[in-house]
N, C-alpha and C. Protein backbone atom coordinates (compact mmCIF):
# COMPACT_ATOMS: atom_id res chain seq x y z
N MET A 1 161.34 127.10 111.04
CA MET A 1 162.03 126.56 112.20
C MET A 1 161.85 127.53 113.36
N THR A 2 161.52 127.05 114.52
CA THR A 2 161.32 127.90 115.68
C THR A 2 162.65 128.33 116.26
N ASN A 3 162.62 129.36 117.11
CA ASN A 3 163.85 129.82 117.75
C ASN A 3 164.51 128.74 118.57
N SER A 4 163.70 127.94 119.30
CA SER A 4 164.30 126.91 120.13
C SER A 4 164.96 125.82 119.27
N SER A 5 164.34 125.45 118.16
CA SER A 5 164.98 124.44 117.30
C SER A 5 166.21 125.03 116.62
N ALA A 6 166.18 126.32 116.31
CA ALA A 6 167.36 126.97 115.73
C ALA A 6 168.50 126.97 116.73
N ARG A 7 168.17 127.23 117.99
CA ARG A 7 169.18 127.21 119.04
C ARG A 7 169.82 125.83 119.14
N PHE A 8 168.98 124.80 119.07
CA PHE A 8 169.50 123.45 119.14
C PHE A 8 170.35 123.12 117.92
N SER A 9 169.97 123.63 116.75
CA SER A 9 170.77 123.42 115.55
C SER A 9 172.14 124.08 115.70
N PHE A 10 172.15 125.29 116.24
CA PHE A 10 173.41 126.00 116.44
C PHE A 10 174.26 125.27 117.47
N LEU A 11 173.65 124.83 118.56
CA LEU A 11 174.39 124.08 119.58
C LEU A 11 174.94 122.78 119.00
N GLY A 12 174.15 122.13 118.16
CA GLY A 12 174.62 120.91 117.51
C GLY A 12 175.82 121.18 116.63
N LEU A 13 175.77 122.30 115.91
CA LEU A 13 176.88 122.69 115.05
C LEU A 13 178.14 122.91 115.88
N ILE A 14 178.01 123.65 116.97
CA ILE A 14 179.16 123.94 117.81
C ILE A 14 179.71 122.66 118.44
N THR A 15 178.84 121.82 118.96
CA THR A 15 179.32 120.58 119.59
C THR A 15 179.95 119.65 118.58
N THR A 16 179.57 119.76 117.32
CA THR A 16 180.22 118.97 116.27
C THR A 16 181.59 119.53 115.94
N ALA A 17 181.70 120.84 115.89
CA ALA A 17 182.95 121.47 115.47
C ALA A 17 184.01 121.53 116.58
N VAL A 18 183.61 121.71 117.83
CA VAL A 18 184.57 121.91 118.92
C VAL A 18 185.55 120.76 119.08
N PRO A 19 185.12 119.49 119.06
CA PRO A 19 186.11 118.42 119.19
C PRO A 19 187.17 118.47 118.10
N TYR A 20 186.77 118.86 116.90
CA TYR A 20 187.74 119.00 115.82
C TYR A 20 188.70 120.15 116.09
N ALA A 21 188.18 121.22 116.66
CA ALA A 21 189.01 122.39 116.94
C ALA A 21 190.09 122.04 117.94
N GLU A 22 189.79 121.16 118.87
CA GLU A 22 190.79 120.76 119.84
C GLU A 22 191.94 120.02 119.16
N LYS A 23 191.65 119.32 118.06
CA LYS A 23 192.68 118.61 117.33
C LYS A 23 193.39 119.54 116.34
N SER A 24 192.59 120.31 115.62
CA SER A 24 193.17 121.23 114.65
C SER A 24 192.11 122.20 114.15
N VAL A 25 192.57 123.37 113.79
CA VAL A 25 191.67 124.38 113.23
C VAL A 25 191.12 123.89 111.89
N ALA A 26 191.94 123.22 111.13
CA ALA A 26 191.50 122.71 109.82
C ALA A 26 190.35 121.73 109.98
N GLY A 27 190.37 120.91 110.99
CA GLY A 27 189.30 119.96 111.22
C GLY A 27 188.00 120.63 111.59
N ALA A 28 188.08 121.74 112.29
CA ALA A 28 186.87 122.47 112.69
C ALA A 28 186.29 123.25 111.53
N ARG A 29 187.15 123.64 110.60
CA ARG A 29 186.72 124.50 109.51
C ARG A 29 185.69 123.82 108.60
N ALA A 30 185.89 122.56 108.29
CA ALA A 30 185.02 121.87 107.33
C ALA A 30 183.54 121.88 107.71
N PRO A 31 183.16 121.47 108.95
CA PRO A 31 181.74 121.51 109.28
C PRO A 31 181.19 122.93 109.35
N LEU A 32 182.03 123.89 109.69
CA LEU A 32 181.59 125.28 109.76
C LEU A 32 181.36 125.85 108.37
N VAL A 33 182.25 125.54 107.44
CA VAL A 33 182.07 125.99 106.06
C VAL A 33 180.80 125.38 105.48
N GLN A 34 180.56 124.11 105.78
CA GLN A 34 179.34 123.46 105.31
C GLN A 34 178.11 124.15 105.89
N ALA A 35 178.20 124.58 107.15
CA ALA A 35 177.08 125.24 107.81
C ALA A 35 176.76 126.60 107.22
N LEU A 36 177.70 127.21 106.49
CA LEU A 36 177.43 128.49 105.85
C LEU A 36 176.30 128.37 104.82
N GLY A 37 176.05 127.17 104.34
CA GLY A 37 174.99 126.95 103.37
C GLY A 37 173.70 126.43 103.98
N ASP A 38 173.63 126.39 105.30
CA ASP A 38 172.43 125.88 105.98
C ASP A 38 171.24 126.78 105.69
N GLU A 39 170.04 126.20 105.70
CA GLU A 39 168.82 126.99 105.45
C GLU A 39 168.49 127.91 106.61
N ASN A 40 168.98 127.59 107.80
CA ASN A 40 168.69 128.37 109.00
C ASN A 40 169.69 129.53 109.13
N LYS A 41 169.19 130.75 109.15
CA LYS A 41 170.08 131.92 109.21
C LYS A 41 170.89 131.97 110.50
N GLU A 42 170.35 131.44 111.59
CA GLU A 42 171.10 131.45 112.85
C GLU A 42 172.29 130.50 112.79
N VAL A 43 172.15 129.41 112.09
CA VAL A 43 173.27 128.48 111.91
C VAL A 43 174.33 129.13 111.03
N ARG A 44 173.89 129.80 109.94
CA ARG A 44 174.85 130.49 109.07
C ARG A 44 175.57 131.60 109.83
N TYR A 45 174.83 132.32 110.67
CA TYR A 45 175.42 133.37 111.50
C TYR A 45 176.49 132.78 112.43
N GLY A 46 176.13 131.71 113.11
CA GLY A 46 177.06 131.07 114.05
C GLY A 46 178.30 130.54 113.36
N ALA A 47 178.11 129.98 112.18
CA ALA A 47 179.26 129.46 111.43
C ALA A 47 180.19 130.59 111.02
N SER A 48 179.64 131.71 110.56
CA SER A 48 180.46 132.87 110.19
C SER A 48 181.23 133.39 111.39
N LEU A 49 180.55 133.48 112.51
CA LEU A 49 181.18 133.96 113.73
C LEU A 49 182.33 133.04 114.15
N ALA A 50 182.08 131.73 114.16
CA ALA A 50 183.10 130.77 114.57
C ALA A 50 184.29 130.77 113.62
N LEU A 51 184.05 130.90 112.32
CA LEU A 51 185.15 130.95 111.36
C LEU A 51 186.01 132.18 111.59
N GLY A 52 185.40 133.27 111.97
CA GLY A 52 186.17 134.47 112.31
C GLY A 52 187.02 134.25 113.54
N TRP A 53 186.47 133.56 114.53
CA TRP A 53 187.23 133.26 115.76
C TRP A 53 188.41 132.35 115.46
N LEU A 54 188.20 131.37 114.57
CA LEU A 54 189.29 130.44 114.25
C LEU A 54 190.40 131.14 113.48
N GLY A 55 190.04 132.08 112.64
CA GLY A 55 191.05 132.89 111.94
C GLY A 55 191.84 132.15 110.88
N ASN A 56 191.30 131.11 110.31
CA ASN A 56 192.01 130.33 109.32
C ASN A 56 191.84 130.94 107.93
N GLU A 57 192.94 131.14 107.24
CA GLU A 57 192.91 131.78 105.91
C GLU A 57 192.08 130.99 104.89
N LYS A 58 191.98 129.68 105.06
CA LYS A 58 191.24 128.87 104.10
C LYS A 58 189.74 129.09 104.18
N ALA A 59 189.29 129.83 105.19
CA ALA A 59 187.86 130.14 105.31
C ALA A 59 187.49 131.40 104.52
N VAL A 60 188.48 132.08 103.97
CA VAL A 60 188.22 133.35 103.28
C VAL A 60 187.28 133.17 102.09
N LYS A 61 187.56 132.21 101.22
CA LYS A 61 186.74 132.04 100.02
C LYS A 61 185.27 131.74 100.35
N PRO A 62 184.99 130.79 101.25
CA PRO A 62 183.58 130.55 101.61
C PRO A 62 182.93 131.77 102.27
N LEU A 63 183.69 132.50 103.07
CA LEU A 63 183.14 133.69 103.72
C LEU A 63 182.85 134.79 102.69
N LEU A 64 183.68 134.90 101.67
CA LEU A 64 183.42 135.88 100.61
C LEU A 64 182.09 135.58 99.91
N LYS A 65 181.80 134.29 99.70
CA LYS A 65 180.52 133.91 99.10
C LYS A 65 179.35 134.27 100.02
N THR A 66 179.59 134.21 101.32
CA THR A 66 178.55 134.50 102.31
C THR A 66 178.21 135.99 102.34
N LEU A 67 179.06 136.82 101.77
CA LEU A 67 178.75 138.26 101.71
C LEU A 67 177.51 138.53 100.85
N ASN A 68 177.07 137.53 100.10
CA ASN A 68 175.86 137.65 99.28
C ASN A 68 174.65 136.99 99.94
N ASP A 69 174.76 136.61 101.21
CA ASP A 69 173.66 135.94 101.92
C ASP A 69 172.43 136.85 101.94
N LYS A 70 171.25 136.24 101.98
CA LYS A 70 170.01 137.02 101.99
C LYS A 70 169.76 137.71 103.33
N ASP A 71 170.43 137.27 104.40
CA ASP A 71 170.23 137.85 105.72
C ASP A 71 171.32 138.88 106.03
N LEU A 72 170.91 140.06 106.44
CA LEU A 72 171.85 141.15 106.72
C LEU A 72 172.83 140.79 107.83
N LEU A 73 172.35 140.21 108.92
CA LEU A 73 173.23 139.87 110.04
C LEU A 73 174.28 138.84 109.63
N VAL A 74 173.90 137.88 108.82
CA VAL A 74 174.86 136.88 108.33
C VAL A 74 175.92 137.56 107.47
N ARG A 75 175.49 138.47 106.59
CA ARG A 75 176.45 139.20 105.75
C ARG A 75 177.42 140.02 106.59
N GLN A 76 176.90 140.73 107.59
CA GLN A 76 177.75 141.55 108.46
C GLN A 76 178.74 140.69 109.26
N THR A 77 178.27 139.55 109.73
CA THR A 77 179.13 138.67 110.49
C THR A 77 180.23 138.08 109.61
N ALA A 78 179.90 137.74 108.37
CA ALA A 78 180.90 137.24 107.43
C ALA A 78 181.95 138.32 107.16
N LYS A 79 181.49 139.56 107.00
CA LYS A 79 182.43 140.67 106.77
C LYS A 79 183.37 140.84 107.97
N ASN A 80 182.80 140.80 109.17
CA ASN A 80 183.62 140.92 110.38
C ASN A 80 184.60 139.76 110.52
N ALA A 81 184.16 138.56 110.13
CA ALA A 81 185.05 137.39 110.17
C ALA A 81 186.23 137.59 109.22
N LEU A 82 185.95 138.12 108.04
CA LEU A 82 187.02 138.38 107.08
C LEU A 82 188.02 139.41 107.60
N VAL A 83 187.51 140.43 108.25
CA VAL A 83 188.39 141.46 108.85
C VAL A 83 189.26 140.82 109.94
N SER A 84 188.66 139.99 110.76
CA SER A 84 189.39 139.31 111.84
C SER A 84 190.49 138.41 111.29
N ILE A 85 190.15 137.65 110.25
CA ILE A 85 191.15 136.76 109.64
C ILE A 85 192.27 137.58 109.03
N ASN A 86 191.95 138.68 108.37
CA ASN A 86 192.96 139.54 107.76
C ASN A 86 193.92 140.09 108.81
N ARG A 87 193.38 140.52 109.94
CA ARG A 87 194.24 141.04 111.02
C ARG A 87 195.19 139.96 111.53
N ARG A 88 194.66 138.77 111.75
CA ARG A 88 195.49 137.68 112.27
C ARG A 88 196.61 137.33 111.29
N VAL A 89 196.29 137.33 110.00
CA VAL A 89 197.30 137.02 108.99
C VAL A 89 198.41 138.06 109.04
N HIS A 90 198.05 139.32 109.13
CA HIS A 90 199.07 140.38 109.18
C HIS A 90 199.91 140.30 110.45
N VAL A 91 199.28 140.00 111.56
CA VAL A 91 200.02 139.87 112.83
C VAL A 91 200.98 138.69 112.74
N ARG A 92 200.51 137.56 112.21
CA ARG A 92 201.39 136.38 112.07
C ARG A 92 202.58 136.70 111.19
N ARG A 93 202.34 137.37 110.08
CA ARG A 93 203.43 137.71 109.17
C ARG A 93 204.42 138.68 109.80
N ALA A 94 203.91 139.65 110.52
CA ALA A 94 204.79 140.62 111.19
C ALA A 94 205.61 139.91 112.27
N TYR A 95 205.00 139.02 113.02
CA TYR A 95 205.70 138.29 114.07
C TYR A 95 206.79 137.41 113.47
N THR A 96 206.49 136.76 112.36
CA THR A 96 207.48 135.91 111.69
C THR A 96 208.65 136.74 111.21
N LYS A 97 208.35 137.91 110.68
CA LYS A 97 209.40 138.81 110.18
C LYS A 97 210.30 139.29 111.32
N ILE A 98 209.70 139.60 112.46
CA ILE A 98 210.47 140.09 113.63
C ILE A 98 211.37 138.97 114.16
N LYS A 99 210.86 137.76 114.21
CA LYS A 99 211.62 136.62 114.75
C LYS A 99 212.79 136.24 113.86
N SER A 100 212.72 136.54 112.55
CA SER A 100 213.78 136.13 111.63
C SER A 100 215.02 136.99 111.75
């Protein structure tokens, strides 16, 4: 796949996921998790990045599997996404505790 077609694949992925994100994070998660298994490394990279931005705990298991990806950048992005999700979870829990 050429770089330009990879770019279009990534843009297609984002344009598919964004409308769902406006409705709910859970709706956006499904196409992104599916994209983690795409043959194109740029699509897998983009999906890992977006899942980290969404910060949904249900993305942890698929991201853990992505730590074994054949591409180094995809693995690093999945690791960073997991760190981001972990931070958000701790902040949410601390905020809930303070409010109680």
